[in-house]
Amino acid sequence: MLSVGKKVYVPGYGAGNIDKIEDKKVDDIIRKYVGLSLLLDNIYLLIPTTKLEDYRIRPITCRGDFEEKLAILKEKPQAIEKKWSKRYRLNNEKISEGSMFNMLEVIRDLHFLKENSLLPPGEHKILSRVENLICSEIALIYDISLAEAKVKLEQFV
């Protein structure tokens, strides 16, 4: 259940806090809305509770689970799709799912390609985007700034 002060992750937007839950009247209809302050790009979302499932909002990962999932960054990629266009699509699908494990898998695979000078420019953008999304969640997990979260992530990659 969502409540004020809860830390959540919104796929495609990053992590943030629930600021308020309020009733608003729009077109003579009173609806309940959830207000989310997201860390990335200072985005504020006001989402009707009837549409929350569409956003696939989930609680942020707890510290213990996150540290377990970080182990994937140290593993060697098993199989990376050879065609960059298919890999691009698959990585975007993993990111849009919002699963911490899948996003860390994307970071691992793209860093492997980057280290071997095989990362196309379009995938540099995906790598940067997924790192920012993960960093927003790290910032809330450890209660640190985004810059500190970036440094923490770089320690594991």
Protein backbone atom coordinates (compact mmCIF):
# COMPACT_ATOMS: atom_id res chain seq x y z
CA MET A 1 0.00 0.00 0.00
CA LEU A 2 1.27 3.44 -0.88
CA SER A 3 1.59 6.00 1.89
CA VAL A 4 3.13 9.44 2.32
CA GLY A 5 6.89 9.23 2.91
CA LYS A 6 7.27 5.86 1.22
CA LYS A 7 10.23 5.50 -1.15
CA VAL A 8 9.29 4.04 -4.53
CA TYR A 9 10.73 3.30 -7.95
CA VAL A 10 8.89 4.23 -11.16
CA PRO A 11 10.22 2.45 -14.28
CA GLY A 12 11.51 4.95 -16.81
CA TYR A 13 11.56 7.80 -14.28
CA GLY A 14 13.68 6.56 -11.39
CA ALA A 15 13.26 6.56 -7.64
CA GLY A 16 11.52 9.10 -5.47
CA ASN A 17 9.29 9.76 -2.49
CA ILE A 18 5.54 9.90 -2.14
CA ASP A 19 4.88 13.48 -1.02
CA LYS A 20 1.13 13.50 -0.78
CA ILE A 21 -2.04 11.60 -1.39
CA GLU A 22 -4.95 13.91 -2.03
CA ASP A 23 -8.37 14.20 -3.58
CA LYS A 24 -8.64 16.50 -6.60
CA LYS A 25 -11.64 17.57 -8.57
CA VAL A 26 -11.11 17.35 -12.34
CA ASP A 27 -14.03 17.73 -14.76
CA ASP A 28 -16.53 17.52 -11.87
CA ILE A 29 -15.09 14.16 -10.83
CA ILE A 30 -13.27 13.77 -7.53
CA ARG A 31 -10.33 11.37 -7.75
CA LYS A 32 -7.55 10.39 -5.39
CA TYR A 33 -4.05 11.30 -6.61
CA VAL A 34 -0.59 10.28 -5.47
CA GLY A 35 2.14 12.94 -5.68
CA LEU A 36 5.67 11.66 -6.34
CA SER A 37 8.88 13.69 -6.16
CA LEU A 38 11.49 11.93 -8.28
CA LEU A 39 15.23 12.48 -7.89
CA LEU A 40 16.14 12.56 -11.57
CA ASP A 41 15.48 15.82 -13.43
CA ASN A 42 13.40 17.14 -10.49
CA ILE A 43 10.28 15.52 -11.94
CA TYR A 44 7.04 15.66 -9.99
CA LEU A 45 4.33 13.17 -10.96
CA LEU A 46 0.71 13.46 -9.90
CA ILE A 47 -0.87 10.10 -10.71
CA PRO A 48 -4.52 9.13 -10.24
CA THR A 49 -4.72 6.03 -8.04
CA THR A 50 -6.75 4.35 -10.79
CA LYS A 51 -3.67 4.53 -13.07
CA LEU A 52 -1.00 3.40 -10.60
CA GLU A 53 -0.83 -0.13 -12.06
CA ASP A 54 -0.01 1.34 -15.47
CA TYR A 55 3.11 2.98 -13.99
CA ARG A 56 4.29 -0.31 -12.38
CA ILE A 57 5.42 1.52 -9.22
CA ARG A 58 7.31 -0.67 -6.78
CA PRO A 59 8.93 -0.07 -3.39
CA ILE A 60 12.65 0.60 -3.59
CA THR A 61 14.92 -2.38 -3.06
CA CYS A 62 16.10 -2.91 0.50
CA ARG A 63 19.82 -2.54 1.21
CA GLY A 64 20.47 -6.26 1.73
CA ASP A 65 18.74 -7.29 -1.51
CA PHE A 66 20.52 -4.54 -3.41
CA GLU A 67 23.95 -5.63 -2.18
CA GLU A 68 23.16 -9.23 -3.18
CA LYS A 69 22.08 -8.12 -6.66
CA LEU A 70 25.28 -6.08 -7.10
CA ALA A 71 27.17 -9.35 -7.44
CA ILE A 72 25.93 -9.53 -11.04
CA LEU A 73 28.21 -6.60 -11.93
CA LYS A 74 31.28 -8.71 -11.12
CA GLU A 75 30.14 -11.63 -13.28
CA LYS A 76 31.18 -12.04 -16.90
CA PRO A 77 28.32 -11.72 -19.39
CA GLN A 78 27.15 -15.16 -20.54
CA ALA A 79 25.82 -14.22 -23.95
CA ILE A 80 25.49 -10.75 -25.42
CA GLU A 81 23.33 -10.29 -28.51
CA LYS A 82 25.62 -9.64 -31.51
CA LYS A 83 23.26 -7.39 -33.50
CA TRP A 84 23.30 -3.97 -31.86
CA SER A 85 19.74 -3.13 -33.01
CA LYS A 86 18.28 -6.21 -31.35
CA ARG A 87 20.46 -5.69 -28.26
CA TYR A 88 19.29 -2.05 -28.11
CA ARG A 89 15.63 -3.16 -28.12
CA LEU A 90 16.20 -5.92 -25.55
CA ASN A 91 18.06 -3.57 -23.20
CA ASN A 92 15.31 -0.95 -23.45
CA GLU A 93 12.73 -3.63 -22.61
CA LYS A 94 14.73 -4.67 -19.53
CA ILE A 95 15.01 -1.05 -18.40
CA SER A 96 11.31 -0.35 -18.88
CA GLU A 97 10.41 -3.40 -16.73
CA GLY A 98 11.95 -1.62 -13.76
CA SER A 99 13.59 -4.71 -12.27
CA MET A 100 16.77 -3.83 -10.38
CA PHE A 101 18.36 -7.14 -11.40
CA ASN A 102 17.62 -6.60 -15.12
CA MET A 103 18.97 -3.04 -15.05
CA LEU A 104 22.18 -4.19 -13.35
CA GLU A 105 22.46 -6.87 -16.03
CA VAL A 106 22.22 -4.17 -18.73
CA ILE A 107 24.94 -2.14 -16.98
CA ARG A 108 27.20 -5.22 -16.75
CA ASP A 109 26.77 -6.12 -20.42
CA LEU A 110 27.19 -2.57 -21.74
CA HIS A 111 30.25 -1.95 -19.57
CA PHE A 112 31.75 -5.16 -20.95
CA LEU A 113 31.20 -3.88 -24.50
CA LYS A 114 32.55 -0.44 -23.57
CA GLU A 115 35.73 -1.90 -22.09
CA ASN A 116 36.26 -3.83 -25.33
CA SER A 117 35.55 -0.77 -27.53
CA LEU A 118 32.44 -2.41 -28.99
CA LEU A 119 29.78 -0.02 -27.66
CA PRO A 120 27.96 2.01 -30.35
CA PRO A 121 27.05 5.67 -29.60
CA GLY A 122 23.33 4.88 -29.20
CA GLU A 123 24.12 2.37 -26.49
CA HIS A 124 26.31 4.91 -24.67
CA LYS A 125 23.06 6.82 -24.09
CA ILE A 126 21.32 3.69 -22.79
CA LEU A 127 24.22 3.01 -20.43
CA SER A 128 24.11 6.55 -19.08
CA ARG A 129 20.33 6.41 -18.67
CA VAL A 130 20.28 3.07 -16.85
CA GLU A 131 23.12 4.16 -14.57
CA ASN A 132 21.16 7.30 -13.64
CA LEU A 133 18.03 5.24 -12.94
CA ILE A 134 19.99 2.86 -10.70
CA CYS A 135 21.76 5.77 -8.98
CA SER A 136 18.43 7.35 -8.07
CA GLU A 137 17.49 4.16 -6.26
CA ILE A 138 20.93 3.83 -4.63
CA ALA A 139 20.58 7.41 -3.35
CA LEU A 140 17.34 6.52 -1.56
CA ILE A 141 18.56 3.12 -0.33
CA TYR A 142 21.61 4.67 1.36
CA ASP A 143 20.14 8.16 1.95
CA ILE A 144 22.94 9.85 -0.02
CA SER A 145 23.13 12.33 -2.91
CA LEU A 146 22.96 11.30 -6.57
CA ALA A 147 26.66 12.18 -6.98
CA GLU A 148 27.59 9.93 -4.06
CA ALA A 149 25.37 7.19 -5.50
CA LYS A 150 27.22 7.46 -8.82
CA VAL A 151 30.55 7.02 -7.04
CA LYS A 152 29.16 4.02 -5.14
CA LEU A 153 27.96 2.39 -8.37
CA GLU A 154 31.31 3.01 -10.09
CA GLN A 155 33.05 1.13 -7.25
CA PHE A 156 31.20 -2.02 -8.28
CA VAL A 157 31.46 -1.74 -12.08
